[in-house]
Full PDB file with SEQRES, HELIX, SHEET, SSBOND, CRYST1, ORIGX, SCALE, CONECT and MASTER records, all heavy atoms in Angstrom:
SEQRES   1 A   37  THR VAL ASN ASP THR VAL LEU ASN SER LYS ASP LYS ILE          
SEQRES   2 A   37  LEU LYS LYS ALA HIS VAL THR LYS SER ASP ARG ILE TYR          
SEQRES   3 A   37  SER ILE ASP PRO GLY GLU ILE ALA SER ASN ILE                  
HELIX    1 AA1 LYS A   10  ALA A   17  1                                   8    
HELIX    2 AA2 PRO A   30  ASN A   36  1                                   7    
CRYST1    1.000    1.000    1.000  90.00  90.00  90.00 P 1           1          
ORIGX1      1.000000  0.000000  0.000000        0.00000                         
ORIGX2      0.000000  1.000000  0.000000        0.00000                         
ORIGX3      0.000000  0.000000  1.000000        0.00000                         
SCALE1      1.000000  0.000000  0.000000        0.00000                         
SCALE2      0.000000  1.000000  0.000000        0.00000                         
SCALE3      0.000000  0.000000  1.000000        0.00000                         
ATOM      1  N   THR A   1       6.974  -3.285  -1.465  1.00  0.00           N  
ATOM      2  CA  THR A   1       7.858  -2.318  -2.197  1.00  0.00           C  
ATOM      3  C   THR A   1       7.051  -1.250  -2.921  1.00  0.00           C  
ATOM      4  O   THR A   1       6.029  -1.489  -3.441  1.00  0.00           O  
ATOM      5  CB  THR A   1       8.770  -3.021  -3.229  1.00  0.00           C  
ATOM      6  OG1 THR A   1       7.940  -3.698  -4.164  1.00  0.00           O  
ATOM      7  CG2 THR A   1       9.606  -4.113  -2.538  1.00  0.00           C  
ATOM      8  N   VAL A   2       7.672   0.045  -2.905  1.00  0.00           N  
ATOM      9  CA  VAL A   2       6.899   1.117  -3.586  1.00  0.00           C  
ATOM     10  C   VAL A   2       7.962   1.740  -4.341  1.00  0.00           C  
ATOM     11  O   VAL A   2       9.188   2.024  -3.976  1.00  0.00           O  
ATOM     12  CB  VAL A   2       6.397   2.155  -2.659  1.00  0.00           C  
ATOM     13  CG1 VAL A   2       5.648   3.304  -3.315  1.00  0.00           C  
ATOM     14  CG2 VAL A   2       5.375   1.451  -1.625  1.00  0.00           C  
ATOM     15  N   ASN A   3       7.705   2.106  -5.636  1.00  0.00           N  
ATOM     16  CA  ASN A   3       8.574   2.922  -6.544  1.00  0.00           C  
ATOM     17  C   ASN A   3       8.919   4.245  -6.072  1.00  0.00           C  
ATOM     18  O   ASN A   3       8.140   4.860  -5.276  1.00  0.00           O  
ATOM     19  CB  ASN A   3       8.153   2.853  -7.987  1.00  0.00           C  
ATOM     20  CG  ASN A   3       6.764   3.589  -8.100  1.00  0.00           C  
ATOM     21  OD1 ASN A   3       5.724   3.289  -7.500  1.00  0.00           O  
ATOM     22  ND2 ASN A   3       6.755   4.662  -8.929  1.00  0.00           N  
ATOM     23  N   ASP A   4       9.943   4.905  -6.618  1.00  0.00           N  
ATOM     24  CA  ASP A   4      10.225   6.210  -6.189  1.00  0.00           C  
ATOM     25  C   ASP A   4       9.177   7.244  -6.707  1.00  0.00           C  
ATOM     26  O   ASP A   4       8.783   7.173  -7.855  1.00  0.00           O  
ATOM     27  CB  ASP A   4      11.685   6.686  -6.848  1.00  0.00           C  
ATOM     28  CG  ASP A   4      12.786   5.855  -6.138  1.00  0.00           C  
ATOM     29  OD1 ASP A   4      12.697   5.392  -4.957  1.00  0.00           O  
ATOM     30  OD2 ASP A   4      13.811   5.630  -6.768  1.00  0.00           O  
ATOM     31  N   THR A   5       8.834   8.129  -5.843  1.00  0.00           N  
ATOM     32  CA  THR A   5       7.745   9.060  -6.212  1.00  0.00           C  
ATOM     33  C   THR A   5       8.241  10.497  -5.798  1.00  0.00           C  
ATOM     34  O   THR A   5       9.241  10.664  -4.969  1.00  0.00           O  
ATOM     35  CB  THR A   5       6.471   8.895  -5.587  1.00  0.00           C  
ATOM     36  OG1 THR A   5       6.702   8.639  -4.098  1.00  0.00           O  
ATOM     37  CG2 THR A   5       5.832   7.587  -5.973  1.00  0.00           C  
ATOM     38  N   VAL A   6       7.621  11.601  -6.272  1.00  0.00           N  
ATOM     39  CA  VAL A   6       8.038  12.890  -6.141  1.00  0.00           C  
ATOM     40  C   VAL A   6       7.022  13.682  -5.104  1.00  0.00           C  
ATOM     41  O   VAL A   6       7.341  14.337  -4.151  1.00  0.00           O  
ATOM     42  CB  VAL A   6       8.067  13.747  -7.320  1.00  0.00           C  
ATOM     43  CG1 VAL A   6       8.429  15.210  -7.088  1.00  0.00           C  
ATOM     44  CG2 VAL A   6       9.173  13.112  -8.234  1.00  0.00           C  
ATOM     45  N   LEU A   7       5.737  13.480  -5.437  1.00  0.00           N  
ATOM     46  CA  LEU A   7       4.665  14.203  -4.606  1.00  0.00           C  
ATOM     47  C   LEU A   7       4.260  13.579  -3.282  1.00  0.00           C  
ATOM     48  O   LEU A   7       3.811  14.276  -2.415  1.00  0.00           O  
ATOM     49  CB  LEU A   7       3.445  14.362  -5.558  1.00  0.00           C  
ATOM     50  CG  LEU A   7       3.690  14.996  -7.025  1.00  0.00           C  
ATOM     51  CD1 LEU A   7       2.440  14.943  -7.811  1.00  0.00           C  
ATOM     52  CD2 LEU A   7       4.165  16.453  -6.777  1.00  0.00           C  
ATOM     53  N   ASN A   8       4.439  12.259  -3.277  1.00  0.00           N  
ATOM     54  CA  ASN A   8       4.001  11.547  -2.141  1.00  0.00           C  
ATOM     55  C   ASN A   8       5.155  10.700  -1.552  1.00  0.00           C  
ATOM     56  O   ASN A   8       5.743   9.961  -2.350  1.00  0.00           O  
ATOM     57  CB  ASN A   8       2.768  10.696  -2.450  1.00  0.00           C  
ATOM     58  CG  ASN A   8       1.550  11.466  -2.697  1.00  0.00           C  
ATOM     59  OD1 ASN A   8       0.880  11.916  -1.977  1.00  0.00           O  
ATOM     60  ND2 ASN A   8       1.283  11.490  -4.150  1.00  0.00           N  
ATOM     61  N   SER A   9       5.390  10.748  -0.312  1.00  0.00           N  
ATOM     62  CA  SER A   9       6.492   9.918   0.299  1.00  0.00           C  
ATOM     63  C   SER A   9       6.026   8.499   0.323  1.00  0.00           C  
ATOM     64  O   SER A   9       4.836   8.179   0.335  1.00  0.00           O  
ATOM     65  CB  SER A   9       6.761  10.363   1.687  1.00  0.00           C  
ATOM     66  OG  SER A   9       5.679  10.185   2.569  1.00  0.00           O  
ATOM     67  N   LYS A  10       6.952   7.529   0.364  1.00  0.00           N  
ATOM     68  CA  LYS A  10       6.723   6.083   0.505  1.00  0.00           C  
ATOM     69  C   LYS A  10       5.953   5.791   1.780  1.00  0.00           C  
ATOM     70  O   LYS A  10       5.126   4.986   1.735  1.00  0.00           O  
ATOM     71  CB  LYS A  10       8.010   5.392   0.448  1.00  0.00           C  
ATOM     72  CG  LYS A  10       8.688   5.349  -0.895  1.00  0.00           C  
ATOM     73  CD  LYS A  10       9.926   4.416  -0.956  1.00  0.00           C  
ATOM     74  CE  LYS A  10      10.543   4.433  -2.302  1.00  0.00           C  
ATOM     75  NZ  LYS A  10      11.837   3.604  -2.358  1.00  0.00           N  
ATOM     76  N   ASP A  11       6.254   6.489   2.793  1.00  0.00           N  
ATOM     77  CA  ASP A  11       5.563   6.252   4.150  1.00  0.00           C  
ATOM     78  C   ASP A  11       4.134   6.640   3.994  1.00  0.00           C  
ATOM     79  O   ASP A  11       3.185   5.942   4.549  1.00  0.00           O  
ATOM     80  CB  ASP A  11       6.187   7.062   5.188  1.00  0.00           C  
ATOM     81  CG  ASP A  11       7.555   6.657   5.645  1.00  0.00           C  
ATOM     82  OD1 ASP A  11       7.928   5.410   5.389  1.00  0.00           O  
ATOM     83  OD2 ASP A  11       8.319   7.365   6.318  1.00  0.00           O  
ATOM     84  N   LYS A  12       3.803   7.677   3.280  1.00  0.00           N  
ATOM     85  CA  LYS A  12       2.459   8.081   3.156  1.00  0.00           C  
ATOM     86  C   LYS A  12       1.676   7.050   2.153  1.00  0.00           C  
ATOM     87  O   LYS A  12       0.544   6.737   2.484  1.00  0.00           O  
ATOM     88  CB  LYS A  12       2.278   9.507   2.355  1.00  0.00           C  
ATOM     89  CG  LYS A  12       0.919  10.078   2.273  1.00  0.00           C  
ATOM     90  CD  LYS A  12       0.897  11.357   1.467  1.00  0.00           C  
ATOM     91  CE  LYS A  12       1.454  12.496   2.268  1.00  0.00           C  
ATOM     92  NZ  LYS A  12       1.326  13.781   1.556  1.00  0.00           N  
ATOM     93  N   ILE A  13       2.253   6.593   1.251  1.00  0.00           N  
ATOM     94  CA  ILE A  13       1.679   5.668   0.339  1.00  0.00           C  
ATOM     95  C   ILE A  13       1.416   4.294   1.135  1.00  0.00           C  
ATOM     96  O   ILE A  13       0.385   3.700   0.967  1.00  0.00           O  
ATOM     97  CB  ILE A  13       2.518   5.309  -0.953  1.00  0.00           C  
ATOM     98  CG1 ILE A  13       2.638   6.579  -1.783  1.00  0.00           C  
ATOM     99  CG2 ILE A  13       2.048   4.099  -1.714  1.00  0.00           C  
ATOM    100  CD1 ILE A  13       3.726   6.565  -2.963  1.00  0.00           C  
ATOM    101  N   LEU A  14       2.413   3.892   1.852  1.00  0.00           N  
ATOM    102  CA  LEU A  14       2.275   2.617   2.646  1.00  0.00           C  
ATOM    103  C   LEU A  14       1.176   2.796   3.767  1.00  0.00           C  
ATOM    104  O   LEU A  14       0.394   1.757   3.932  1.00  0.00           O  
ATOM    105  CB  LEU A  14       3.497   2.309   3.349  1.00  0.00           C  
ATOM    106  CG  LEU A  14       4.684   1.806   2.326  1.00  0.00           C  
ATOM    107  CD1 LEU A  14       5.986   1.649   3.115  1.00  0.00           C  
ATOM    108  CD2 LEU A  14       4.245   0.450   1.744  1.00  0.00           C  
ATOM    109  N   LYS A  15       1.042   3.926   4.285  1.00  0.00           N  
ATOM    110  CA  LYS A  15       0.124   4.148   5.282  1.00  0.00           C  
ATOM    111  C   LYS A  15      -1.316   4.102   4.584  1.00  0.00           C  
ATOM    112  O   LYS A  15      -2.268   3.524   5.250  1.00  0.00           O  
ATOM    113  CB  LYS A  15       0.305   5.521   5.839  1.00  0.00           C  
ATOM    114  CG  LYS A  15      -0.769   5.801   7.100  1.00  0.00           C  
ATOM    115  CD  LYS A  15      -0.409   7.177   7.675  1.00  0.00           C  
ATOM    116  CE  LYS A  15      -1.396   7.462   8.833  1.00  0.00           C  
ATOM    117  NZ  LYS A  15      -1.111   8.786   9.543  1.00  0.00           N  
ATOM    118  N   LYS A  16      -1.409   4.652   3.385  1.00  0.00           N  
ATOM    119  CA  LYS A  16      -2.732   4.644   2.722  1.00  0.00           C  
ATOM    120  C   LYS A  16      -2.993   3.147   2.305  1.00  0.00           C  
ATOM    121  O   LYS A  16      -4.267   2.755   2.153  1.00  0.00           O  
ATOM    122  CB  LYS A  16      -2.604   5.539   1.593  1.00  0.00           C  
ATOM    123  CG  LYS A  16      -4.058   6.041   1.104  1.00  0.00           C  
ATOM    124  CD  LYS A  16      -4.715   6.955   2.101  1.00  0.00           C  
ATOM    125  CE  LYS A  16      -6.140   7.471   1.605  1.00  0.00           C  
ATOM    126  NZ  LYS A  16      -6.737   8.175   2.644  1.00  0.00           N  
ATOM    127  N   ALA A  17      -1.997   2.472   1.910  1.00  0.00           N  
ATOM    128  CA  ALA A  17      -2.214   1.053   1.383  1.00  0.00           C  
ATOM    129  C   ALA A  17      -2.705   0.187   2.583  1.00  0.00           C  
ATOM    130  O   ALA A  17      -3.513  -0.851   2.333  1.00  0.00           O  
ATOM    131  CB  ALA A  17      -0.869   0.488   0.786  1.00  0.00           C  
ATOM    132  N   HIS A  18      -2.197   0.396   3.663  1.00  0.00           N  
ATOM    133  CA  HIS A  18      -2.627  -0.326   4.999  1.00  0.00           C  
ATOM    134  C   HIS A  18      -2.426  -1.738   4.835  1.00  0.00           C  
ATOM    135  O   HIS A  18      -3.296  -2.571   5.020  1.00  0.00           O  
ATOM    136  CB  HIS A  18      -4.200  -0.017   5.208  1.00  0.00           C  
ATOM    137  CG  HIS A  18      -4.523  -0.430   6.669  1.00  0.00           C  
ATOM    138  ND1 HIS A  18      -3.904   0.111   7.757  1.00  0.00           N  
ATOM    139  CD2 HIS A  18      -5.498  -1.183   7.146  1.00  0.00           C  
ATOM    140  CE1 HIS A  18      -4.515  -0.464   8.836  1.00  0.00           C  
ATOM    141  NE2 HIS A  18      -5.303  -1.311   8.522  1.00  0.00           N  
ATOM    142  N   VAL A  19      -1.179  -2.144   4.357  1.00  0.00           N  
ATOM    143  CA  VAL A  19      -0.852  -3.617   4.256  1.00  0.00           C  
ATOM    144  C   VAL A  19       0.284  -3.750   5.406  1.00  0.00           C  
ATOM    145  O   VAL A  19       1.168  -2.968   5.417  1.00  0.00           O  
ATOM    146  CB  VAL A  19      -0.236  -3.965   2.956  1.00  0.00           C  
ATOM    147  CG1 VAL A  19       0.223  -5.418   2.946  1.00  0.00           C  
ATOM    148  CG2 VAL A  19      -1.292  -3.698   1.892  1.00  0.00           C  
ATOM    149  N   THR A  20      -0.004  -4.729   6.274  1.00  0.00           N  
ATOM    150  CA  THR A  20       0.903  -4.854   7.371  1.00  0.00           C  
ATOM    151  C   THR A  20       1.339  -6.283   7.263  1.00  0.00           C  
ATOM    152  O   THR A  20       0.903  -7.297   6.619  1.00  0.00           O  
ATOM    153  CB  THR A  20       0.173  -4.736   8.741  1.00  0.00           C  
ATOM    154  OG1 THR A  20      -0.804  -5.713   8.991  1.00  0.00           O  
ATOM    155  CG2 THR A  20      -0.504  -3.399   8.877  1.00  0.00           C  
ATOM    156  N   LYS A  21       2.383  -6.675   8.217  1.00  0.00           N  
ATOM    157  CA  LYS A  21       3.017  -7.964   8.225  1.00  0.00           C  
ATOM    158  C   LYS A  21       2.056  -8.966   8.912  1.00  0.00           C  
ATOM    159  O   LYS A  21       2.439 -10.177   8.989  1.00  0.00           O  
ATOM    160  CB  LYS A  21       4.386  -7.998   8.884  1.00  0.00           C  
ATOM    161  CG  LYS A  21       5.408  -7.264   8.147  1.00  0.00           C  
ATOM    162  CD  LYS A  21       6.778  -7.339   8.741  1.00  0.00           C  
ATOM    163  CE  LYS A  21       7.839  -6.560   7.903  1.00  0.00           C  
ATOM    164  NZ  LYS A  21       9.088  -6.811   8.417  1.00  0.00           N  
ATOM    165  N   SER A  22       0.953  -8.499   9.445  1.00  0.00           N  
ATOM    166  CA  SER A  22      -0.115  -9.430  10.058  1.00  0.00           C  
ATOM    167  C   SER A  22      -1.100  -9.924   9.041  1.00  0.00           C  
ATOM    168  O   SER A  22      -1.994 -10.661   9.297  1.00  0.00           O  
ATOM    169  CB  SER A  22      -0.744  -8.852  11.231  1.00  0.00           C  
ATOM    170  OG  SER A  22      -1.440  -7.644  10.828  1.00  0.00           O  
ATOM    171  N   ASP A  23      -1.046  -9.368   7.799  1.00  0.00           N  
ATOM    172  CA  ASP A  23      -1.959  -9.696   6.764  1.00  0.00           C  
ATOM    173  C   ASP A  23      -1.366 -10.978   5.925  1.00  0.00           C  
ATOM    174  O   ASP A  23      -0.232 -11.117   5.658  1.00  0.00           O  
ATOM    175  CB  ASP A  23      -2.038  -8.568   5.731  1.00  0.00           C  
ATOM    176  CG  ASP A  23      -2.766  -7.434   6.320  1.00  0.00           C  
ATOM    177  OD1 ASP A  23      -3.795  -7.673   7.113  1.00  0.00           O  
ATOM    178  OD2 ASP A  23      -2.410  -6.204   5.993  1.00  0.00           O  
ATOM    179  N   ARG A  24      -2.302 -11.790   5.591  1.00  0.00           N  
ATOM    180  CA  ARG A  24      -1.953 -12.968   4.729  1.00  0.00           C  
ATOM    181  C   ARG A  24      -1.975 -12.546   3.344  1.00  0.00           C  
ATOM    182  O   ARG A  24      -2.881 -11.823   2.924  1.00  0.00           O  
ATOM    183  CB  ARG A  24      -2.967 -14.055   4.963  1.00  0.00           C  
ATOM    184  CG  ARG A  24      -3.153 -14.632   6.411  1.00  0.00           C  
ATOM    185  CD  ARG A  24      -2.049 -15.688   6.721  1.00  0.00           C  
ATOM    186  NE  ARG A  24      -2.316 -16.335   7.987  1.00  0.00           N  
ATOM    187  CZ  ARG A  24      -1.462 -17.154   8.444  1.00  0.00           C  
ATOM    188  NH1 ARG A  24      -0.478 -17.665   7.822  1.00  0.00           N  
ATOM    189  NH2 ARG A  24      -1.757 -17.790   9.638  1.00  0.00           N  
ATOM    190  N   ILE A  25      -0.963 -12.976   2.603  1.00  0.00           N  
ATOM    191  CA  ILE A  25      -0.794 -12.511   1.180  1.00  0.00           C  
ATOM    192  C   ILE A  25      -2.004 -12.835   0.307  1.00  0.00           C  
ATOM    193  O   ILE A  25      -2.495 -12.010  -0.598  1.00  0.00           O  
ATOM    194  CB  ILE A  25       0.441 -13.188   0.501  1.00  0.00           C  
ATOM    195  CG1 ILE A  25       0.699 -12.575  -0.856  1.00  0.00           C  
ATOM    196  CG2 ILE A  25       0.193 -14.674   0.423  1.00  0.00           C  
ATOM    197  CD1 ILE A  25       1.184 -11.121  -0.799  1.00  0.00           C  
ATOM    198  N   TYR A  26      -2.810 -14.016   0.598  1.00  0.00           N  
ATOM    199  CA  TYR A  26      -3.944 -14.424  -0.086  1.00  0.00           C  
ATOM    200  C   TYR A  26      -5.247 -13.595   0.264  1.00  0.00           C  
ATOM    201  O   TYR A  26      -6.150 -13.638  -0.390  1.00  0.00           O  
ATOM    202  CB  TYR A  26      -4.194 -15.828  -0.046  1.00  0.00           C  
ATOM    203  CG  TYR A  26      -4.258 -16.295   1.322  1.00  0.00           C  
ATOM    204  CD1 TYR A  26      -5.483 -16.303   2.057  1.00  0.00           C  
ATOM    205  CD2 TYR A  26      -3.201 -16.907   1.954  1.00  0.00           C  
ATOM    206  CE1 TYR A  26      -5.707 -16.798   3.331  1.00  0.00           C  
ATOM    207  CE2 TYR A  26      -3.282 -17.382   3.335  1.00  0.00           C  
ATOM    208  CZ  TYR A  26      -4.536 -17.326   3.905  1.00  0.00           C  
ATOM    209  OH  TYR A  26      -4.576 -17.863   5.191  1.00  0.00           O  
ATOM    210  N   SER A  27      -5.109 -12.973   1.408  1.00  0.00           N  
ATOM    211  CA  SER A  27      -6.275 -12.200   1.853  1.00  0.00           C  
ATOM    212  C   SER A  27      -6.410 -10.741   1.452  1.00  0.00           C  
ATOM    213  O   SER A  27      -7.430 -10.097   1.548  1.00  0.00           O  
ATOM    214  CB  SER A  27      -6.355 -12.252   3.408  1.00  0.00           C  
ATOM    215  OG  SER A  27      -5.386 -11.429   4.004  1.00  0.00           O  
ATOM    216  N   ILE A  28      -5.310 -10.154   0.855  1.00  0.00           N  
ATOM    217  CA  ILE A  28      -5.370  -8.791   0.571  1.00  0.00           C  
ATOM    218  C   ILE A  28      -5.984  -8.664  -0.833  1.00  0.00           C  
ATOM    219  O   ILE A  28      -5.850  -9.458  -1.662  1.00  0.00           O  
ATOM    220  CB  ILE A  28      -3.952  -8.130   0.593  1.00  0.00           C  
ATOM    221  CG1 ILE A  28      -3.107  -8.758  -0.374  1.00  0.00           C  
ATOM    222  CG2 ILE A  28      -3.329  -8.267   2.012  1.00  0.00           C  
ATOM    223  CD1 ILE A  28      -1.676  -8.119  -0.517  1.00  0.00           C  
ATOM    224  N   ASP A  29      -6.550  -7.474  -0.952  1.00  0.00           N  
ATOM    225  CA  ASP A  29      -7.214  -7.094  -2.313  1.00  0.00           C  
ATOM    226  C   ASP A  29      -6.578  -6.142  -2.986  1.00  0.00           C  
ATOM    227  O   ASP A  29      -6.527  -4.931  -2.689  1.00  0.00           O  
ATOM    228  CB  ASP A  29      -8.630  -6.755  -2.046  1.00  0.00           C  
ATOM    229  CG  ASP A  29      -9.458  -6.470  -3.324  1.00  0.00           C  
ATOM    230  OD1 ASP A  29      -8.866  -6.497  -4.477  1.00  0.00           O  
ATOM    231  OD2 ASP A  29     -10.641  -6.179  -3.134  1.00  0.00           O  
ATOM    232  N   PRO A  30      -5.694  -6.419  -4.195  1.00  0.00           N  
ATOM    233  CA  PRO A  30      -4.931  -5.490  -4.856  1.00  0.00           C  
ATOM    234  C   PRO A  30      -5.735  -4.242  -5.347  1.00  0.00           C  
ATOM    235  O   PRO A  30      -5.299  -3.187  -5.333  1.00  0.00           O  
ATOM    236  CB  PRO A  30      -4.457  -6.193  -6.040  1.00  0.00           C  
ATOM    237  CG  PRO A  30      -4.351  -7.673  -5.529  1.00  0.00           C  
ATOM    238  CD  PRO A  30      -5.645  -7.782  -4.735  1.00  0.00           C  
ATOM    239  N   GLY A  31      -6.980  -4.508  -5.805  1.00  0.00           N  
ATOM    240  CA  GLY A  31      -7.862  -3.396  -6.313  1.00  0.00           C  
ATOM    241  C   GLY A  31      -8.268  -2.484  -5.150  1.00  0.00           C  
ATOM    242  O   GLY A  31      -8.326  -1.261  -5.417  1.00  0.00           O  
ATOM    243  N   GLU A  32      -8.564  -3.023  -3.996  1.00  0.00           N  
ATOM    244  CA  GLU A  32      -8.889  -2.071  -2.852  1.00  0.00           C  
ATOM    245  C   GLU A  32      -7.795  -1.222  -2.407  1.00  0.00           C  
ATOM    246  O   GLU A  32      -7.824  -0.031  -2.201  1.00  0.00           O  
ATOM    247  CB  GLU A  32      -9.461  -2.919  -1.773  1.00  0.00           C  
ATOM    248  CG  GLU A  32      -9.817  -2.149  -0.549  1.00  0.00           C  
ATOM    249  CD  GLU A  32     -10.413  -2.967   0.578  1.00  0.00           C  
ATOM    250  OE1 GLU A  32     -10.388  -4.311   0.414  1.00  0.00           O  
ATOM    251  OE2 GLU A  32     -10.610  -2.423   1.696  1.00  0.00           O  
ATOM    252  N   ILE A  33      -6.504  -1.840  -2.572  1.00  0.00           N  
ATOM    253  CA  ILE A  33      -5.281  -1.153  -2.134  1.00  0.00           C  
ATOM    254  C   ILE A  33      -5.105  -0.024  -3.164  1.00  0.00           C  
ATOM    255  O   ILE A  33      -4.829   1.136  -2.762  1.00  0.00           O  
ATOM    256  CB  ILE A  33      -4.107  -1.959  -2.092  1.00  0.00           C  
ATOM    257  CG1 ILE A  33      -4.260  -3.030  -0.954  1.00  0.00           C  
ATOM    258  CG2 ILE A  33      -2.800  -1.254  -1.791  1.00  0.00           C  
ATOM    259  CD1 ILE A  33      -3.298  -4.153  -0.911  1.00  0.00           C  
ATOM    260  N   ALA A  34      -5.180  -0.245  -4.304  1.00  0.00           N  
ATOM    261  CA  ALA A  34      -4.950   0.681  -5.362  1.00  0.00           C  
ATOM    262  C   ALA A  34      -5.995   1.791  -5.283  1.00  0.00           C  
ATOM    263  O   ALA A  34      -5.522   3.078  -5.416  1.00  0.00           O  
ATOM    264  CB  ALA A  34      -5.136   0.025  -6.765  1.00  0.00           C  
ATOM    265  N   SER A  35      -7.201   1.545  -4.983  1.00  0.00           N  
ATOM    266  CA  SER A  35      -8.301   2.448  -4.864  1.00  0.00           C  
ATOM    267  C   SER A  35      -8.036   3.488  -3.701  1.00  0.00           C  
ATOM    268  O   SER A  35      -8.270   4.684  -3.745  1.00  0.00           O  
ATOM    269  CB  SER A  35      -9.643   1.832  -4.664  1.00  0.00           C  
ATOM    270  OG  SER A  35     -10.011   1.210  -5.768  1.00  0.00           O  
ATOM    271  N   ASN A  36      -7.495   2.892  -2.531  1.00  0.00           N  
ATOM    272  CA  ASN A  36      -7.118   3.703  -1.372  1.00  0.00           C  
ATOM    273  C   ASN A  36      -6.035   4.607  -1.705  1.00  0.00           C  
ATOM    274  O   ASN A  36      -6.046   5.820  -1.250  1.00  0.00           O  
ATOM    275  CB  ASN A  36      -6.751   2.835  -0.275  1.00  0.00           C  
ATOM    276  CG  ASN A  36      -7.859   2.038   0.315  1.00  0.00           C  
ATOM    277  OD1 ASN A  36      -9.118   2.373   0.107  1.00  0.00           O  
ATOM    278  ND2 ASN A  36      -7.532   0.862   0.979  1.00  0.00           N  
ATOM    279  N   ILE A  37      -4.917   4.218  -2.394  1.00  0.00           N  
ATOM    280  CA  ILE A  37      -3.859   5.057  -2.720  1.00  0.00           C  
ATOM    281  C   ILE A  37      -4.174   6.164  -3.664  1.00  0.00           C  
ATOM    282  O   ILE A  37      -3.661   7.302  -3.647  1.00  0.00           O  
ATOM    283  CB  ILE A  37      -2.749   4.236  -3.310  1.00  0.00           C  
ATOM    284  CG1 ILE A  37      -2.227   3.151  -2.188  1.00  0.00           C  
ATOM    285  CG2 ILE A  37      -1.504   5.098  -3.724  1.00  0.00           C  
ATOM    286  CD1 ILE A  37      -1.210   2.152  -2.722  1.00  0.00           C  
TER     287      ILE A  37                                                      
MASTER        0    0    0    2    0    0    0    6  286    1    0    3          
END                                                                             
């Protein structure tokens, strides 16, 4: 889930986050995702 934004679309944010349904929840790094966005 992504909150409502003005400058960047949700699709753009999700693409930059690069989290897919093939990822295990325990294997993703929240800090790395935040840095990418």
